[in-house]
Amino acid sequence: MFSKRGQELSIGTLILIIIGVIVLVLLVLGFSMGWGDLFSKVGIFQGSDMSSMITACGVAVSSQSLESYCECKMVKLDDKTKVKINCADKRVTALAGTNVLTPSCSQAQNSKCPQNT
């Protein structure tokens, strides 16, 4: 009789199915848990905590980018406390050590970050 063969499944189709399932799972988790919680738990985007702020400040110093150095960013100090600071903040410079950019941020740039102490 006839030899029956199953239809072949190409590698491309298999990869698209896997990507579709992953996207579907992320959508379900995002809408059920909330997008902020999902991104922090899954680690899709870099967190905005003090360690990532110090890393960003180090990059700004090494590239001599005063604009990035003085840009205000929302940073989580702990689970409940969020502050808007830039690299000139005393909490950042105390932890970063010698990673300070001169000339420093102007008074106008620091006034955009009300949490600078």
N, C-alpha and C. Protein backbone atom coordinates (compact mmCIF):
# COMPACT_ATOMS: atom_id res chain seq x y z
N MET A 1 0.82 -1.17 0.00
CA MET A 1 0.00 0.00 0.00
C MET A 1 0.87 1.25 0.00
N PHE A 2 0.25 2.30 0.38
CA PHE A 2 0.98 3.56 0.41
C PHE A 2 1.76 3.67 1.71
N SER A 3 2.96 4.27 1.63
CA SER A 3 3.71 4.52 2.87
C SER A 3 3.24 5.85 3.43
N LYS A 4 2.79 5.82 4.67
CA LYS A 4 2.27 7.04 5.29
C LYS A 4 3.40 7.72 6.04
N ARG A 5 3.61 8.96 5.72
CA ARG A 5 4.62 9.74 6.42
C ARG A 5 3.92 10.95 7.06
N GLY A 6 4.40 11.31 8.24
CA GLY A 6 3.85 12.48 8.90
C GLY A 6 4.40 13.75 8.26
N GLN A 7 3.68 14.79 8.41
CA GLN A 7 4.13 16.05 7.86
C GLN A 7 5.30 16.56 8.69
N GLU A 8 6.32 17.00 8.02
CA GLU A 8 7.50 17.46 8.73
C GLU A 8 7.25 18.84 9.32
N LEU A 9 7.84 19.09 10.49
CA LEU A 9 7.74 20.37 11.17
C LEU A 9 9.10 21.03 11.06
N SER A 10 9.15 22.14 10.38
CA SER A 10 10.44 22.79 10.17
C SER A 10 10.93 23.43 11.47
N ILE A 11 12.22 23.67 11.51
CA ILE A 11 12.84 24.28 12.69
C ILE A 11 12.30 25.70 12.90
N GLY A 12 12.09 26.42 11.82
CA GLY A 12 11.56 27.78 11.93
C GLY A 12 10.19 27.82 12.58
N THR A 13 9.33 26.88 12.19
CA THR A 13 8.00 26.80 12.77
C THR A 13 8.07 26.46 14.25
N LEU A 14 8.95 25.56 14.62
CA LEU A 14 9.12 25.18 16.01
C LEU A 14 9.61 26.36 16.85
N ILE A 15 10.53 27.13 16.33
CA ILE A 15 11.04 28.31 17.05
C ILE A 15 9.94 29.34 17.23
N LEU A 16 9.13 29.57 16.18
CA LEU A 16 8.03 30.52 16.29
C LEU A 16 6.99 30.08 17.32
N ILE A 17 6.73 28.79 17.40
CA ILE A 17 5.79 28.28 18.40
C ILE A 17 6.32 28.54 19.81
N ILE A 18 7.61 28.28 20.03
CA ILE A 18 8.22 28.49 21.35
C ILE A 18 8.19 29.97 21.72
N ILE A 19 8.54 30.85 20.78
CA ILE A 19 8.51 32.29 21.05
C ILE A 19 7.08 32.74 21.35
N GLY A 20 6.11 32.22 20.62
CA GLY A 20 4.71 32.56 20.86
C GLY A 20 4.25 32.15 22.24
N VAL A 21 4.65 30.98 22.70
CA VAL A 21 4.28 30.51 24.03
C VAL A 21 4.90 31.40 25.10
N ILE A 22 6.18 31.79 24.92
CA ILE A 22 6.86 32.66 25.89
C ILE A 22 6.18 34.02 25.95
N VAL A 23 5.83 34.59 24.80
CA VAL A 23 5.15 35.89 24.77
C VAL A 23 3.78 35.77 25.44
N LEU A 24 3.07 34.70 25.19
CA LEU A 24 1.76 34.50 25.81
C LEU A 24 1.87 34.41 27.32
N VAL A 25 2.85 33.68 27.82
CA VAL A 25 3.07 33.56 29.27
C VAL A 25 3.41 34.92 29.87
N LEU A 26 4.28 35.69 29.21
CA LEU A 26 4.64 37.02 29.72
C LEU A 26 3.44 37.96 29.73
N LEU A 27 2.59 37.88 28.72
CA LEU A 27 1.38 38.71 28.70
C LEU A 27 0.43 38.36 29.84
N VAL A 28 0.22 37.07 30.06
CA VAL A 28 -0.66 36.64 31.15
C VAL A 28 -0.10 37.09 32.50
N LEU A 29 1.21 36.90 32.72
CA LEU A 29 1.83 37.33 33.98
C LEU A 29 1.80 38.84 34.12
N GLY A 30 2.03 39.56 33.05
CA GLY A 30 2.02 41.02 33.11
C GLY A 30 0.67 41.58 33.48
N PHE A 31 -0.39 41.05 32.88
CA PHE A 31 -1.72 41.56 33.19
C PHE A 31 -2.22 41.09 34.54
N SER A 32 -1.76 39.95 35.02
CA SER A 32 -2.24 39.46 36.30
C SER A 32 -1.44 40.03 37.48
N MET A 33 -0.12 40.15 37.34
CA MET A 33 0.72 40.63 38.45
C MET A 33 0.96 42.13 38.39
N GLY A 34 0.87 42.71 37.24
CA GLY A 34 1.25 44.10 37.05
C GLY A 34 2.60 44.14 36.36
N TRP A 35 2.76 45.11 35.47
CA TRP A 35 3.96 45.15 34.64
C TRP A 35 5.21 45.51 35.44
N GLY A 36 5.09 46.39 36.43
CA GLY A 36 6.25 46.77 37.23
C GLY A 36 6.80 45.59 38.01
N ASP A 37 5.92 44.81 38.61
CA ASP A 37 6.36 43.64 39.36
C ASP A 37 6.97 42.59 38.44
N LEU A 38 6.38 42.44 37.27
CA LEU A 38 6.88 41.44 36.33
C LEU A 38 8.30 41.77 35.89
N PHE A 39 8.55 43.04 35.52
CA PHE A 39 9.88 43.42 35.04
C PHE A 39 10.92 43.30 36.14
N SER A 40 10.55 43.61 37.39
CA SER A 40 11.52 43.50 38.47
C SER A 40 11.80 42.05 38.84
N LYS A 41 10.79 41.18 38.75
CA LYS A 41 11.00 39.77 39.11
C LYS A 41 11.68 38.98 38.00
N VAL A 42 11.30 39.25 36.77
CA VAL A 42 11.88 38.51 35.65
C VAL A 42 13.26 39.07 35.31
N GLY A 43 13.47 40.35 35.55
CA GLY A 43 14.76 40.97 35.26
C GLY A 43 14.94 41.30 33.80
N ILE A 44 13.84 41.62 33.11
CA ILE A 44 13.93 41.97 31.70
C ILE A 44 14.67 43.28 31.54
N PHE A 45 14.31 44.27 32.35
CA PHE A 45 14.96 45.56 32.30
C PHE A 45 15.85 45.72 33.52
N GLN A 46 16.90 46.48 33.34
CA GLN A 46 17.81 46.71 34.45
C GLN A 46 17.08 47.46 35.55
N GLY A 47 17.27 47.00 36.78
CA GLY A 47 16.62 47.62 37.91
C GLY A 47 17.14 49.02 38.17
N SER A 48 16.31 49.83 38.80
CA SER A 48 16.73 51.18 39.12
C SER A 48 16.99 51.27 40.61
N ASP A 49 17.97 50.52 41.08
CA ASP A 49 18.35 50.60 42.47
C ASP A 49 19.67 51.34 42.58
N MET A 50 20.18 51.47 43.79
CA MET A 50 21.38 52.27 44.02
C MET A 50 22.60 51.68 43.31
N SER A 51 22.71 50.37 43.23
CA SER A 51 23.88 49.77 42.57
C SER A 51 23.88 50.05 41.07
N SER A 52 22.71 50.03 40.44
CA SER A 52 22.67 50.36 39.01
C SER A 52 22.90 51.85 38.79
N MET A 53 22.50 52.68 39.76
CA MET A 53 22.77 54.12 39.66
C MET A 53 24.27 54.38 39.74
N ILE A 54 24.96 53.69 40.63
CA ILE A 54 26.41 53.86 40.76
C ILE A 54 27.13 53.40 39.50
N THR A 55 26.65 52.31 38.90
CA THR A 55 27.22 51.83 37.65
C THR A 55 27.01 52.85 36.54
N ALA A 56 25.80 53.40 36.45
CA ALA A 56 25.51 54.42 35.43
C ALA A 56 26.36 55.67 35.64
N CYS A 57 26.58 56.03 36.89
CA CYS A 57 27.41 57.20 37.19
C CYS A 57 28.87 56.94 36.81
N GLY A 58 29.33 55.73 37.04
CA GLY A 58 30.69 55.38 36.62
C GLY A 58 30.87 55.46 35.12
N VAL A 59 29.86 55.03 34.38
CA VAL A 59 29.92 55.13 32.92
C VAL A 59 29.91 56.60 32.49
N ALA A 60 29.09 57.42 33.16
CA ALA A 60 29.03 58.84 32.82
C ALA A 60 30.36 59.53 33.10
N VAL A 61 31.03 59.14 34.19
CA VAL A 61 32.33 59.73 34.52
C VAL A 61 33.38 59.30 33.51
N SER A 62 33.39 58.01 33.18
CA SER A 62 34.42 57.51 32.25
C SER A 62 34.25 58.09 30.85
N SER A 63 33.00 58.40 30.47
CA SER A 63 32.77 59.00 29.15
C SER A 63 32.73 60.52 29.19
N GLN A 64 32.94 61.09 30.38
CA GLN A 64 32.93 62.55 30.56
C GLN A 64 31.62 63.18 30.08
N SER A 65 30.51 62.53 30.37
CA SER A 65 29.19 63.00 29.94
C SER A 65 28.52 63.73 31.11
N LEU A 66 28.62 65.05 31.11
CA LEU A 66 28.03 65.85 32.18
C LEU A 66 26.50 65.77 32.14
N GLU A 67 25.93 65.64 30.95
CA GLU A 67 24.48 65.55 30.82
C GLU A 67 23.95 64.28 31.49
N SER A 68 24.59 63.14 31.25
CA SER A 68 24.16 61.90 31.89
C SER A 68 24.44 61.92 33.39
N TYR A 69 25.51 62.56 33.78
CA TYR A 69 25.90 62.64 35.18
C TYR A 69 24.88 63.44 35.99
N CYS A 70 24.33 64.49 35.40
CA CYS A 70 23.41 65.38 36.11
C CYS A 70 21.94 65.03 35.89
N GLU A 71 21.66 64.03 35.09
CA GLU A 71 20.27 63.65 34.81
C GLU A 71 19.64 63.02 36.05
N CYS A 72 18.45 63.48 36.41
CA CYS A 72 17.73 62.95 37.57
C CYS A 72 17.07 61.62 37.21
N LYS A 73 17.21 60.65 38.11
CA LYS A 73 16.61 59.34 37.89
C LYS A 73 15.91 58.89 39.15
N MET A 74 14.81 58.17 38.99
CA MET A 74 14.08 57.61 40.12
C MET A 74 14.79 56.34 40.57
N VAL A 75 15.18 56.29 41.84
CA VAL A 75 15.97 55.18 42.37
C VAL A 75 15.28 54.60 43.59
N LYS A 76 15.24 53.27 43.69
CA LYS A 76 14.69 52.61 44.86
C LYS A 76 15.80 52.46 45.90
N LEU A 77 15.59 53.03 47.08
CA LEU A 77 16.55 52.84 48.17
C LEU A 77 16.28 51.54 48.90
N ASP A 78 15.02 51.23 49.11
CA ASP A 78 14.60 49.94 49.66
C ASP A 78 13.28 49.57 48.98
N ASP A 79 12.57 48.60 49.51
CA ASP A 79 11.35 48.13 48.85
C ASP A 79 10.27 49.20 48.74
N LYS A 80 10.25 50.16 49.68
CA LYS A 80 9.16 51.12 49.70
C LYS A 80 9.59 52.55 49.37
N THR A 81 10.87 52.86 49.50
CA THR A 81 11.34 54.23 49.34
C THR A 81 11.93 54.44 47.96
N LYS A 82 11.37 55.41 47.22
CA LYS A 82 11.90 55.82 45.93
C LYS A 82 12.24 57.29 46.00
N VAL A 83 13.41 57.66 45.50
CA VAL A 83 13.82 59.06 45.47
C VAL A 83 14.31 59.42 44.08
N LYS A 84 14.24 60.70 43.77
CA LYS A 84 14.71 61.19 42.47
C LYS A 84 16.05 61.89 42.72
N ILE A 85 17.14 61.28 42.24
CA ILE A 85 18.48 61.81 42.48
C ILE A 85 19.31 61.77 41.20
N ASN A 86 20.45 62.43 41.23
CA ASN A 86 21.42 62.33 40.14
C ASN A 86 22.76 61.90 40.73
N CYS A 87 23.78 61.86 39.91
CA CYS A 87 25.08 61.35 40.36
C CYS A 87 25.78 62.28 41.34
N ALA A 88 25.35 63.54 41.42
CA ALA A 88 25.97 64.49 42.35
C ALA A 88 25.42 64.35 43.76
N ASP A 89 24.43 63.49 43.96
CA ASP A 89 23.85 63.29 45.28
C ASP A 89 24.90 62.69 46.23
N LYS A 90 24.87 63.13 47.50
CA LYS A 90 25.87 62.67 48.47
C LYS A 90 25.80 61.17 48.72
N ARG A 91 24.60 60.58 48.63
CA ARG A 91 24.47 59.13 48.84
C ARG A 91 25.16 58.36 47.74
N VAL A 92 25.12 58.89 46.53
CA VAL A 92 25.76 58.22 45.40
C VAL A 92 27.27 58.41 45.45
N THR A 93 27.71 59.64 45.70
CA THR A 93 29.16 59.89 45.72
C THR A 93 29.84 59.19 46.88
N ALA A 94 29.12 58.99 47.99
CA ALA A 94 29.71 58.27 49.12
C ALA A 94 29.96 56.81 48.77
N LEU A 95 29.06 56.22 48.01
CA LEU A 95 29.22 54.81 47.64
C LEU A 95 30.12 54.64 46.42
N ALA A 96 30.13 55.64 45.52
CA ALA A 96 30.90 55.53 44.29
C ALA A 96 32.38 55.82 44.51
N GLY A 97 32.72 56.53 45.56
CA GLY A 97 34.13 56.82 45.84
C GLY A 97 34.64 57.94 44.97
N THR A 98 35.67 57.67 44.18
CA THR A 98 36.33 58.71 43.41
C THR A 98 35.66 58.99 42.07
N ASN A 99 34.56 58.31 41.78
CA ASN A 99 33.87 58.54 40.50
C ASN A 99 33.05 59.82 40.56
N VAL A 100 33.72 60.97 40.49
CA VAL A 100 33.06 62.27 40.52
C VAL A 100 33.50 63.03 39.29
N LEU A 101 32.55 63.67 38.65
CA LEU A 101 32.84 64.40 37.43
C LEU A 101 33.03 65.88 37.76
N THR A 102 34.12 66.45 37.25
CA THR A 102 34.34 67.89 37.41
C THR A 102 34.39 68.51 36.03
N PRO A 103 33.73 69.58 35.75
CA PRO A 103 32.94 70.37 36.68
C PRO A 103 31.65 69.65 37.06
N SER A 104 31.18 69.95 38.23
CA SER A 104 30.01 69.28 38.76
C SER A 104 28.72 69.87 38.18
N CYS A 105 27.60 69.34 38.60
CA CYS A 105 26.30 69.80 38.11
C CYS A 105 26.04 71.22 38.62
N SER A 106 25.38 72.02 37.80
CA SER A 106 25.05 73.39 38.19
C SER A 106 23.91 73.38 39.20
N GLN A 107 23.68 74.50 39.81
CA GLN A 107 22.59 74.63 40.78
C GLN A 107 21.24 74.40 40.11
N ALA A 108 21.10 74.84 38.88
CA ALA A 108 19.84 74.64 38.14
C ALA A 108 19.59 73.16 37.89
N GLN A 109 20.65 72.42 37.57
CA GLN A 109 20.49 70.99 37.33
C GLN A 109 20.17 70.26 38.63
N ASN A 110 20.80 70.66 39.73
CA ASN A 110 20.52 70.02 41.02
C ASN A 110 19.12 70.35 41.52
N SER A 111 18.60 71.51 41.17
CA SER A 111 17.25 71.88 41.64
C SER A 111 16.18 71.01 40.98
N LYS A 112 16.49 70.37 39.86
CA LYS A 112 15.53 69.47 39.22
C LYS A 112 15.37 68.18 40.01
N CYS A 113 16.33 67.89 40.86
CA CYS A 113 16.28 66.69 41.71
C CYS A 113 16.00 67.14 43.14
N PRO A 114 14.76 67.21 43.55
CA PRO A 114 14.45 67.76 44.87
C PRO A 114 14.97 66.92 46.03
N GLN A 115 15.33 65.68 45.77
CA GLN A 115 15.78 64.81 46.85
C GLN A 115 17.27 64.92 47.14
N ASN A 116 18.01 65.70 46.37
CA ASN A 116 19.46 65.82 46.61
C ASN A 116 19.70 66.44 47.97
N THR A 117 20.60 65.80 48.70
CA THR A 117 20.91 66.29 50.04
C THR A 117 22.37 66.70 50.11
